[in-house]
Each structure stands twice: as C-alpha cells, then as structure tokens.
Amino acid sequence: MRRPGLRERARLLSALEGRFAIAAVIDAFGTGCFIAGAALFFTQELGLKPSLIGIGLTAAGIVGFATTVPWGRAADRWGARRILVLLLSVRALAFVLYAFAASFAAFLAIATLLGTVEKATSPIQQALIGEAVAEDRRQRALAFVRSARNAGFALGALAAAAAVSTATSLGYDSIVLFNAASFVLAAVLMGRLPVARAAVAPRKTTLWGWRVCDRRYTALTALNGVLTMHMSLLSVGLPLWLVSHSDAPAAVIPLLLVVNAVLAVVFQVPVAGLVKSERGAAAALAVAGAALALCCLAMPLASTLDATGAVLVATGAVLALTLAELAQSAGGWDLSFRLAPADRRGEHLGVFSLGTTAQSMLGPLLLTAGVFALGPWGWVALALATLAGGILATTVIDRPRRTTGRLAARRARPA
C-alpha cells in the first residue's frame, strides 16, 4: 500500500485542523451565547435567586472535578472520539432540558448532569487531537482550536445580546437551545473524524478508581493551575478592581476584553509554534508567570493614577495578561502531552486539567476575599505566587536531568 506523500499528508492535516477549528467555533458560539445570557436566563426565566444559582454551579463544579479523570480513563479504553461525542451529546440534552426547567430542583439536577461532562470535554478533545494529528502538528492544531474558540465566544456573546434584548421567554430559551444545537453539530463533526487509533491492552484497574500520576506530572498540574489564574484575572480580578478601586471609566473594561480576545485569536498559533521542546515549554511557563506578576503589580498602580493614567496602566496589564495566556497555553499543551504515556494519555490529560478546574473554582474567591481585602499587598503576594509558579515549573522539568547528571558523575568516580 502506497504511503501518502508529504503534500498529501499536509493536506490531510490541514483538513483535520480545519474540522477541529470549525467544531470549536460552533461549540464556542453556543457556549459564548449561554455564558453571556446565563445570568438573565437563570434569574428572569427560571426565577432563581443568585444564592441558589451559586449553589447549583458550585455543585456542578465539584462533580466535574471528581469525574474528569474517570472520563479520561474511558477515553483510553474506548477511544477519545467515542467519548467526546458522548460528552457533547449529554451536554446538548442537558441544555434542551434547561428550556423546560421550572424549579430549583430541576435546575440543580440539570446543573449536576452538566457537571459530570463539562470539565472533561476539553481534555478529551485534546486527547482526540493527539490521536488524529501528527505529533509535529499537534501544537499548531491545539492553537488553531484555541483561536477558533475565542472567535466563537465573541460571536456567541453578540448573539446573546440580540436574544435577550426581546426580554421574552422565547428569547431566553433560545440561549440554551442555541447552545444545545451547537453541541449536536460539534458531535456530528467529531463523530465523522477519521482516526487511526492503535489498540490498547486493558489494564487491571477499575474505571472509576482514582490513581495519582507520577509526581512530576502532578507537580506540573498544580503549577500550571496556578498559571491559569489569567482566566480569573480577566473575568473577575481586573474588571472588579478597575471599577471599584480606580478612576478608569467602566466603559473601558469591555474594550480591554476585546483587545485580549483579538490578540489571543491572532497570536495563539505563532506563539504555540515557538514551543518545540521540553525546555521550551518550561520556558513558556516561566514567561507566563513573569507576565502574570507584571499584570498583578499594575493593579495597585492603577489605583494611584487619574483616569487617563489608570486606562494606560490597565491596557498594559491586559497586554501582559494576554502574553501570559498565550505562553501558559502553549507550554501547558506541550508538557501535558509530552510527559503522558501514550496508552494513558486520556487519564493524564484529565489529571492535568484538574489544575485549571481547581483554579476556576477557587480563583474568583481568592481574588475577591483575599487579594482585594489585602489591597496592594494582596496583589504583591499574588504576583510573587505566579512568578514562583513559573520558576518552579522550570525546576520540575530540569530535575530529572540534574538527577541523571549526579548519578552519572557518581558512577564515573574511581572506586
């Protein structure tokens, strides 16, 4: 059988990247639409109080944290494509059920159902990319997907604005139904994806059993989770601090978010292409930690300036935050794949995603109840933490080399 030539393989990989990117845009469009209108849907359509919404979403987060690794094991056993299609289908069903919910009990049940599948979707999608795309194009494919998702989120937010402007039940329900439809379309695209998957021998472990991965991978999971603080900073930390502790006009904040989104779409692929080795990935995480530290230190500075100065400093902070986002994503992708055994990739990627999940659950609380309460010193402490996270990532990566070097030196010594 004739092996495909270089051009044929390039065209095939481009087609795969395109399909992943299209699915990501569709998925993110629905998700962006829902996120932008979720508060209105829950309060106006379902009639829930904010405290009850918080209880439901917290429960969903806890369930998601507990079920991510088992889903990764399922992907290792039955294939990432099959499991991803199942996750997307369950998400579609759950959002259709939201349109018929009429009580807190129904909301809680649906939110919990979503929690069992939402957090696992991203690592399972990464595992599928690892199965479908050649190793030398994996970073590029992951970056394309990230850029496509950012574009989809922006389009979805615009659609949500149009949907909720009618202030009717039909408008609110369209938010969740748009999201359900996006998951169906993404599932169809992923289900038709050509994947040549090698057979994996079954292991003597239970599917739902919990097993901690090697210490280096676990340490990198925690450190990468610290560096994903850029997510909470962008959505909670910067907007709330600038509105409540600076003279920056509130109208500037959406523009800063647009700057972040545009830069992330444009530069994610080029930045990911710079990471080509283990040390390069560790260096990217170090850059992310330093950039996050600069962003944090800019916040108390913005509080001391007039409106113009605060806007300029806030713009610089968003640029630093965007650099951190791009570098952390590229470094995290590379290391999460590079250090994961091929036959346990889904499980390892599931473990690696737990750092991000924990940060998304604890980050907003840390910022509002910790950093904000301490004022400038809180921002300094957070800056030191993120800087240390990036530096420690390089230390964890270099430790095996140093250990190997010491062992070699001992063996070389004369008896």
Protein backbone atom coordinates (compact mmCIF):
# COMPACT_ATOMS: atom_id res chain seq x y z
CA MET A 1 0.00 0.00 0.00
CA ARG A 2 1.43 3.35 -1.06
CA ARG A 3 2.18 5.69 1.80
CA PRO A 4 0.84 9.25 1.36
CA GLY A 5 3.41 11.77 0.25
CA LEU A 6 4.38 14.92 2.11
CA ARG A 7 1.89 17.11 0.25
CA GLU A 8 -0.92 14.62 0.76
CA ARG A 9 -0.17 14.42 4.48
CA ALA A 10 -0.04 18.22 4.72
CA ARG A 11 -3.44 18.48 3.05
CA LEU A 12 -4.85 15.81 5.35
CA LEU A 13 -3.54 17.56 8.46
CA SER A 14 -4.87 20.89 7.24
CA ALA A 15 -8.29 19.30 6.70
CA LEU A 16 -8.19 17.82 10.21
CA GLU A 17 -7.16 21.15 11.71
CA GLY A 18 -9.97 22.81 9.80
CA ARG A 19 -12.54 20.35 11.08
CA PHE A 20 -11.37 20.77 14.66
CA ALA A 21 -11.43 24.56 14.25
CA ILE A 22 -14.95 24.56 12.77
CA ALA A 23 -16.22 22.34 15.58
CA ALA A 24 -14.53 24.66 18.10
CA VAL A 25 -16.18 27.76 16.59
CA ILE A 26 -19.60 26.10 16.66
CA ASP A 27 -19.14 24.82 20.21
CA ALA A 28 -17.80 28.16 21.48
CA PHE A 29 -20.54 30.12 19.72
CA GLY A 30 -23.19 28.26 21.70
CA THR A 31 -21.19 28.39 24.92
CA GLY A 32 -20.45 32.11 24.50
CA CYS A 33 -24.12 32.76 23.85
CA PHE A 34 -25.09 30.93 27.02
CA ILE A 35 -22.39 32.46 29.24
CA ALA A 36 -23.32 35.98 28.13
CA GLY A 37 -27.01 35.42 28.82
CA ALA A 38 -26.89 32.85 31.64
CA ALA A 39 -27.46 35.34 34.44
CA LEU A 40 -30.61 36.67 32.79
CA PHE A 41 -31.85 33.19 31.89
CA PHE A 42 -31.47 31.90 35.45
CA THR A 43 -32.94 34.95 37.13
CA GLN A 44 -35.61 36.08 34.67
CA GLU A 45 -36.70 32.80 33.05
CA LEU A 46 -36.18 30.33 35.91
CA GLY A 47 -36.76 32.91 38.67
CA LEU A 48 -33.77 31.81 40.75
CA LYS A 49 -32.03 33.90 43.38
CA PRO A 50 -28.27 34.46 42.95
CA SER A 51 -27.55 32.38 46.07
CA LEU A 52 -29.38 29.38 44.61
CA ILE A 53 -27.58 29.80 41.29
CA GLY A 54 -24.28 29.76 43.17
CA ILE A 55 -25.22 26.55 44.97
CA GLY A 56 -26.08 24.80 41.71
CA LEU A 57 -22.95 25.92 39.87
CA THR A 58 -20.74 25.02 42.84
CA ALA A 59 -22.26 21.54 42.93
CA ALA A 60 -21.63 21.21 39.20
CA GLY A 61 -18.00 22.23 39.67
CA ILE A 62 -17.42 19.70 42.44
CA VAL A 63 -18.96 16.89 40.38
CA GLY A 64 -16.90 17.93 37.37
CA PHE A 65 -13.70 17.84 39.40
CA ALA A 66 -14.48 14.32 40.59
CA THR A 67 -15.46 12.87 37.19
CA THR A 68 -12.83 14.29 34.84
CA VAL A 69 -10.18 11.60 35.38
CA PRO A 70 -12.64 8.68 35.05
CA TRP A 71 -13.75 10.12 31.69
CA GLY A 72 -10.08 10.25 30.69
CA ARG A 73 -9.70 6.58 31.56
CA ALA A 74 -12.80 5.85 29.49
CA ALA A 75 -11.19 7.62 26.53
CA ASP A 76 -8.06 5.49 26.92
CA ARG A 77 -10.20 2.33 26.92
CA TRP A 78 -12.79 3.09 24.25
CA GLY A 79 -11.25 5.94 22.23
CA ALA A 80 -11.33 9.71 22.64
CA ARG A 81 -13.63 10.24 19.65
CA ARG A 82 -16.37 7.99 21.02
CA ILE A 83 -16.22 9.53 24.48
CA LEU A 84 -16.13 13.11 23.14
CA VAL A 85 -19.24 12.51 21.05
CA LEU A 86 -20.96 11.09 24.14
CA LEU A 87 -19.98 14.12 26.26
CA LEU A 88 -21.19 16.58 23.62
CA SER A 89 -24.47 14.67 23.26
CA VAL A 90 -25.14 14.73 27.00
CA ARG A 91 -24.40 18.46 27.09
CA ALA A 92 -26.87 19.01 24.24
CA LEU A 93 -29.54 17.03 26.11
CA ALA A 94 -28.94 18.96 29.32
CA PHE A 95 -29.37 22.35 27.66
CA VAL A 96 -32.58 21.21 25.97
CA LEU A 97 -33.83 20.22 29.44
CA TYR A 98 -32.99 23.73 30.70
CA ALA A 99 -35.66 25.09 28.37
CA PHE A 100 -38.26 23.02 30.27
CA ALA A 101 -36.94 23.62 33.81
CA ALA A 102 -39.33 25.37 36.17
CA SER A 103 -37.87 24.92 39.66
CA PHE A 104 -34.66 24.99 41.65
CA ALA A 105 -34.73 21.19 41.93
CA ALA A 106 -34.80 20.87 38.14
CA PHE A 107 -32.01 23.46 37.80
CA LEU A 108 -29.87 21.61 40.36
CA ALA A 109 -30.39 18.25 38.64
CA ILE A 110 -29.52 19.66 35.21
CA ALA A 111 -26.51 21.59 36.53
CA THR A 112 -25.22 18.42 38.20
CA LEU A 113 -25.71 16.44 34.99
CA LEU A 114 -23.75 19.09 33.12
CA GLY A 115 -21.06 18.97 35.79
CA THR A 116 -20.42 15.29 35.05
CA VAL A 117 -19.47 16.04 31.43
CA GLU A 118 -18.45 19.71 31.06
CA LYS A 119 -15.00 19.71 32.66
CA ALA A 120 -13.96 16.51 30.89
CA THR A 121 -14.77 17.80 27.39
CA SER A 122 -11.61 19.88 26.94
CA PRO A 123 -9.03 17.21 27.93
CA ILE A 124 -10.89 14.55 25.92
CA GLN A 125 -10.84 16.86 22.90
CA GLN A 126 -7.10 17.31 23.40
CA ALA A 127 -6.68 13.54 23.58
CA LEU A 128 -8.59 13.21 20.30
CA ILE A 129 -6.31 15.77 18.67
CA GLY A 130 -3.39 13.69 19.93
CA GLU A 131 -4.88 10.61 18.23
CA ALA A 132 -5.81 12.31 14.96
CA VAL A 133 -2.97 14.78 14.34
CA ALA A 134 0.73 14.00 13.89
CA GLU A 135 2.97 14.98 16.79
CA ASP A 136 4.80 17.68 14.80
CA ARG A 137 1.48 19.42 14.04
CA ARG A 138 -0.22 18.92 17.41
CA GLN A 139 0.71 22.30 18.89
CA ARG A 140 -0.49 24.02 15.75
CA ALA A 141 -3.82 22.18 15.85
CA LEU A 142 -4.35 22.97 19.53
CA ALA A 143 -3.56 26.63 18.87
CA PHE A 144 -5.99 26.74 15.95
CA VAL A 145 -8.69 25.31 18.18
CA ARG A 146 -7.97 27.87 20.92
CA SER A 147 -8.08 30.76 18.43
CA ALA A 148 -11.29 29.44 16.91
CA ARG A 149 -12.87 29.15 20.34
CA ASN A 150 -12.02 32.76 21.18
CA ALA A 151 -13.65 33.90 17.94
CA GLY A 152 -16.69 31.72 18.62
CA PHE A 153 -17.10 33.10 22.14
CA ALA A 154 -17.17 36.66 20.80
CA LEU A 155 -19.78 35.82 18.15
CA GLY A 156 -21.86 33.95 20.71
CA ALA A 157 -21.86 36.91 23.07
CA LEU A 158 -23.19 39.12 20.27
CA ALA A 159 -25.94 36.60 19.55
CA ALA A 160 -26.88 36.54 23.24
CA ALA A 161 -27.21 40.32 23.26
CA ALA A 162 -29.72 40.09 20.42
CA ALA A 163 -31.61 37.21 22.05
CA VAL A 164 -32.08 38.80 25.48
CA SER A 165 -32.95 42.21 24.04
CA THR A 166 -36.51 40.94 23.48
CA ALA A 167 -36.88 40.13 27.23
CA THR A 168 -39.29 37.27 26.40
CA SER A 169 -39.36 33.58 27.29
CA LEU A 170 -38.65 32.74 23.66
CA GLY A 171 -35.56 34.95 23.70
CA TYR A 172 -34.25 33.45 26.95
CA ASP A 173 -34.97 29.88 25.85
CA SER A 174 -33.18 30.50 22.56
CA ILE A 175 -29.96 30.98 24.55
CA VAL A 176 -29.97 27.43 25.88
CA LEU A 177 -31.33 25.94 22.66
CA PHE A 178 -28.60 27.63 20.61
CA ASN A 179 -26.08 26.02 22.93
CA ALA A 180 -27.75 22.61 22.62
CA ALA A 181 -27.71 22.86 18.82
CA SER A 182 -24.03 23.82 18.84
CA PHE A 183 -23.15 20.66 20.78
CA VAL A 184 -25.14 18.50 18.35
CA LEU A 185 -23.31 19.98 15.35
CA ALA A 186 -19.93 19.62 17.06
CA ALA A 187 -20.72 15.98 17.93
CA VAL A 188 -21.59 15.25 14.29
CA LEU A 189 -18.32 16.79 13.09
CA MET A 190 -16.22 14.94 15.65
CA GLY A 191 -18.08 11.66 15.10
CA ARG A 192 -17.12 11.67 11.40
CA LEU A 193 -13.47 12.41 12.12
CA PRO A 194 -11.04 9.84 10.64
CA VAL A 195 -8.93 8.50 13.50
CA ALA A 196 -6.46 5.63 13.27
CA ARG A 197 -6.16 4.51 16.86
CA ALA A 198 -3.79 1.79 17.98
CA ALA A 199 -5.25 -0.94 20.16
CA VAL A 200 -4.58 -0.52 23.86
CA ALA A 201 -4.25 -3.53 26.13
CA PRO A 202 -6.73 -3.42 29.05
CA ARG A 203 -5.23 -2.68 32.45
CA LYS A 204 -6.19 -4.28 35.74
CA THR A 205 -7.74 -1.13 37.17
CA THR A 206 -11.33 -0.19 37.74
CA LEU A 207 -12.68 2.56 35.52
CA TRP A 208 -13.80 4.69 38.45
CA GLY A 209 -10.75 4.05 40.65
CA TRP A 210 -8.52 7.03 41.41
CA ARG A 211 -4.80 6.77 40.85
CA VAL A 212 -2.36 9.65 41.18
CA CYS A 213 0.04 10.05 38.26
CA ASP A 214 3.77 10.40 38.70
CA ARG A 215 4.98 13.15 40.99
CA ARG A 216 6.49 15.32 38.26
CA TYR A 217 3.27 15.30 36.25
CA THR A 218 1.24 16.03 39.38
CA ALA A 219 3.54 18.92 40.32
CA LEU A 220 3.24 20.40 36.84
CA THR A 221 -0.53 20.02 37.06
CA ALA A 222 -0.59 22.16 40.21
CA LEU A 223 1.85 24.76 38.86
CA ASN A 224 0.02 25.05 35.55
CA GLY A 225 -3.18 25.51 37.53
CA VAL A 226 -1.62 28.48 39.34
CA LEU A 227 -0.61 29.99 35.99
CA THR A 228 -4.16 29.68 34.62
CA MET A 229 -5.03 32.44 37.10
CA HIS A 230 -5.12 34.64 33.99
CA MET A 231 -8.66 33.33 33.45
CA SER A 232 -10.00 34.60 36.77
CA LEU A 233 -7.98 37.80 36.49
CA LEU A 234 -9.52 38.59 33.11
CA SER A 235 -13.11 37.74 34.03
CA VAL A 236 -13.18 38.85 37.68
CA GLY A 237 -10.00 40.43 39.03
CA LEU A 238 -9.24 43.22 36.57
CA PRO A 239 -12.84 44.34 35.88
CA LEU A 240 -13.89 44.46 39.53
CA TRP A 241 -10.68 46.14 40.72
CA LEU A 242 -10.71 48.78 38.00
CA VAL A 243 -14.37 49.61 38.63
CA SER A 244 -14.14 49.75 42.42
CA HIS A 245 -10.53 50.86 43.07
CA SER A 246 -9.54 53.11 40.18
CA ASP A 247 -10.73 56.12 38.18
CA ALA A 248 -10.79 54.16 34.92
CA PRO A 249 -14.18 54.58 33.17
CA ALA A 250 -16.35 51.47 33.32
CA ALA A 251 -16.89 51.70 29.56
CA VAL A 252 -13.20 50.90 29.02
CA ILE A 253 -13.46 47.42 30.52
CA PRO A 254 -15.34 45.76 27.59
CA LEU A 255 -12.79 47.31 25.22
CA LEU A 256 -9.95 45.76 27.22
CA LEU A 257 -11.64 42.37 26.95
CA VAL A 258 -11.95 42.85 23.19
CA VAL A 259 -8.22 43.65 23.00
CA ASN A 260 -7.46 40.41 24.82
CA ALA A 261 -9.75 38.36 22.58
CA VAL A 262 -8.36 39.80 19.34
CA LEU A 263 -4.74 39.35 20.36
CA ALA A 264 -5.42 35.79 21.52
CA VAL A 265 -7.00 34.91 18.18
CA VAL A 266 -4.18 36.46 16.16
CA PHE A 267 -1.13 35.32 18.13
CA GLN A 268 -2.03 31.95 19.68
CA VAL A 269 -0.83 29.93 16.68
CA PRO A 270 2.51 31.78 16.24
CA VAL A 271 3.28 31.60 19.96
CA ALA A 272 2.44 27.90 20.12
CA GLY A 273 4.78 27.32 17.18
CA LEU A 274 7.71 28.64 19.23
CA VAL A 275 7.40 25.79 21.75
CA LYS A 276 9.21 22.79 20.26
CA SER A 277 10.91 21.10 23.19
CA GLU A 278 10.51 20.25 26.85
CA ARG A 279 12.74 23.11 27.89
CA GLY A 280 10.95 25.45 25.52
CA ALA A 281 7.64 24.54 27.14
CA ALA A 282 9.08 25.12 30.62
CA ALA A 283 10.44 28.49 29.47
CA ALA A 284 6.96 29.40 28.19
CA LEU A 285 5.51 28.70 31.64
CA ALA A 286 8.23 30.87 33.21
CA VAL A 287 7.31 33.69 30.83
CA ALA A 288 3.65 33.24 31.78
CA GLY A 289 4.50 33.53 35.47
CA ALA A 290 6.53 36.71 34.95
CA ALA A 291 3.83 38.28 32.74
CA LEU A 292 1.15 37.49 35.32
CA ALA A 293 3.31 39.09 38.01
CA LEU A 294 3.57 42.29 35.94
CA CYS A 295 -0.19 42.30 35.44
CA CYS A 296 -0.78 41.93 39.18
CA LEU A 297 1.67 44.71 40.08
CA ALA A 298 -0.07 47.04 37.62
CA MET A 299 -3.35 46.87 39.53
CA PRO A 300 -2.35 48.80 42.68
CA LEU A 301 -0.50 51.27 40.45
CA ALA A 302 -3.71 51.96 38.51
CA SER A 303 -5.41 52.89 41.80
CA THR A 304 -2.97 55.77 42.36
CA LEU A 305 -3.42 57.46 38.96
CA ASP A 306 -6.03 59.65 37.32
CA ALA A 307 -8.45 58.29 34.74
CA THR A 308 -6.05 58.57 31.80
CA GLY A 309 -3.16 57.03 33.68
CA ALA A 310 -5.36 54.23 35.00
CA VAL A 311 -6.52 53.38 31.48
CA LEU A 312 -2.94 53.28 30.19
CA VAL A 313 -1.78 51.05 33.04
CA ALA A 314 -4.84 48.81 32.65
CA THR A 315 -4.06 48.44 28.95
CA GLY A 316 -0.51 47.41 29.78
CA ALA A 317 -1.87 44.95 32.35
CA VAL A 318 -4.16 43.36 29.75
CA LEU A 319 -1.25 43.06 27.30
CA ALA A 320 0.80 41.30 29.97
CA LEU A 321 -2.18 39.11 30.85
CA THR A 322 -2.62 38.16 27.19
CA LEU A 323 1.06 37.23 26.91
CA ALA A 324 0.65 35.05 29.99
CA GLU A 325 -2.41 33.37 28.46
CA LEU A 326 -0.62 32.63 25.20
CA ALA A 327 2.56 31.36 26.86
CA GLN A 328 0.78 29.27 29.51
CA SER A 329 -1.44 27.62 26.91
CA ALA A 330 1.48 26.73 24.63
CA GLY A 331 3.70 25.44 27.45
CA GLY A 332 0.90 23.54 29.16
CA TRP A 333 -0.23 21.82 25.96
CA ASP A 334 3.26 20.63 25.13
CA LEU A 335 4.13 19.29 28.57
CA SER A 336 0.74 17.66 29.18
CA PHE A 337 1.20 15.60 26.00
CA ARG A 338 4.97 15.14 26.10
CA LEU A 339 5.03 13.69 29.62
CA ALA A 340 1.93 11.50 29.28
CA PRO A 341 2.30 7.81 28.32
CA ALA A 342 0.56 7.15 25.01
CA ASP A 343 -1.59 4.34 26.43
CA ARG A 344 -2.77 6.51 29.35
CA ARG A 345 -2.98 9.88 27.61
CA GLY A 346 -6.66 10.46 28.31
CA GLU A 347 -6.18 9.78 32.00
CA HIS A 348 -3.13 12.04 32.23
CA LEU A 349 -4.77 14.87 30.32
CA GLY A 350 -7.74 14.55 32.63
CA VAL A 351 -5.44 14.88 35.64
CA PHE A 352 -3.65 17.86 34.06
CA SER A 353 -6.95 19.66 33.55
CA LEU A 354 -7.73 19.42 37.27
CA GLY A 355 -5.35 22.29 37.96
CA THR A 356 -7.37 24.52 35.65
CA THR A 357 -10.64 23.28 37.15
CA ALA A 358 -9.46 24.00 40.69
CA GLN A 359 -8.32 27.47 39.68
CA SER A 360 -11.68 28.24 38.04
CA MET A 361 -13.44 27.21 41.26
CA LEU A 362 -11.12 28.91 43.75
CA GLY A 363 -9.65 31.79 41.73
CA PRO A 364 -12.60 34.21 41.94
CA LEU A 365 -12.91 33.62 45.69
CA LEU A 366 -9.17 34.09 46.19
CA LEU A 367 -9.28 37.40 44.33
CA THR A 368 -12.37 38.89 45.94
CA ALA A 369 -11.96 37.61 49.51
CA GLY A 370 -8.16 37.52 49.66
CA VAL A 371 -6.37 39.84 47.25
CA PHE A 372 -8.96 42.62 47.29
CA ALA A 373 -9.17 42.51 51.10
CA LEU A 374 -5.39 42.92 51.44
CA GLY A 375 -5.25 45.72 48.87
CA PRO A 376 -1.85 46.46 47.26
CA TRP A 377 -0.11 43.84 49.40
CA GLY A 378 -2.59 41.25 48.16
CA TRP A 379 -1.58 41.99 44.58
CA VAL A 380 2.10 41.80 45.51
CA ALA A 381 1.54 38.41 47.14
CA LEU A 382 -0.30 37.13 44.05
CA ALA A 383 2.48 38.46 41.82
CA LEU A 384 5.09 36.57 43.85
CA ALA A 385 2.97 33.40 43.71
CA THR A 386 2.60 33.46 39.93
CA LEU A 387 6.27 34.33 39.43
CA ALA A 388 7.26 31.44 41.70
CA GLY A 389 4.90 29.13 39.81
CA GLY A 390 6.65 29.81 36.52
CA ILE A 391 10.13 29.41 38.03
CA LEU A 392 9.20 26.18 39.83
CA ALA A 393 7.88 24.73 36.56
CA THR A 394 11.35 25.02 35.03
CA THR A 395 12.83 23.48 38.17
CA VAL A 396 10.48 20.49 37.99
CA ILE A 397 11.34 19.95 34.32
CA ASP A 398 15.10 20.18 34.90
CA ARG A 399 15.12 17.93 38.00
CA PRO A 400 15.43 14.60 36.10
CA ARG A 401 18.37 15.95 34.12
CA ARG A 402 20.14 17.08 37.28
CA THR A 403 19.46 13.73 38.95
CA THR A 404 20.74 11.84 35.92
CA GLY A 405 23.85 14.04 35.83
CA ARG A 406 24.60 13.40 39.52
CA LEU A 407 24.18 9.65 39.08
CA ALA A 408 26.47 9.68 36.07
CA ALA A 409 29.08 11.66 37.99
CA ARG A 410 28.98 9.20 40.89
CA ARG A 411 29.41 6.25 38.56
CA ALA A 412 32.35 7.92 36.88
CA ARG A 413 34.23 8.38 40.14
CA PRO A 414 37.03 5.89 40.83
CA ALA A 415 36.23 3.32 43.50
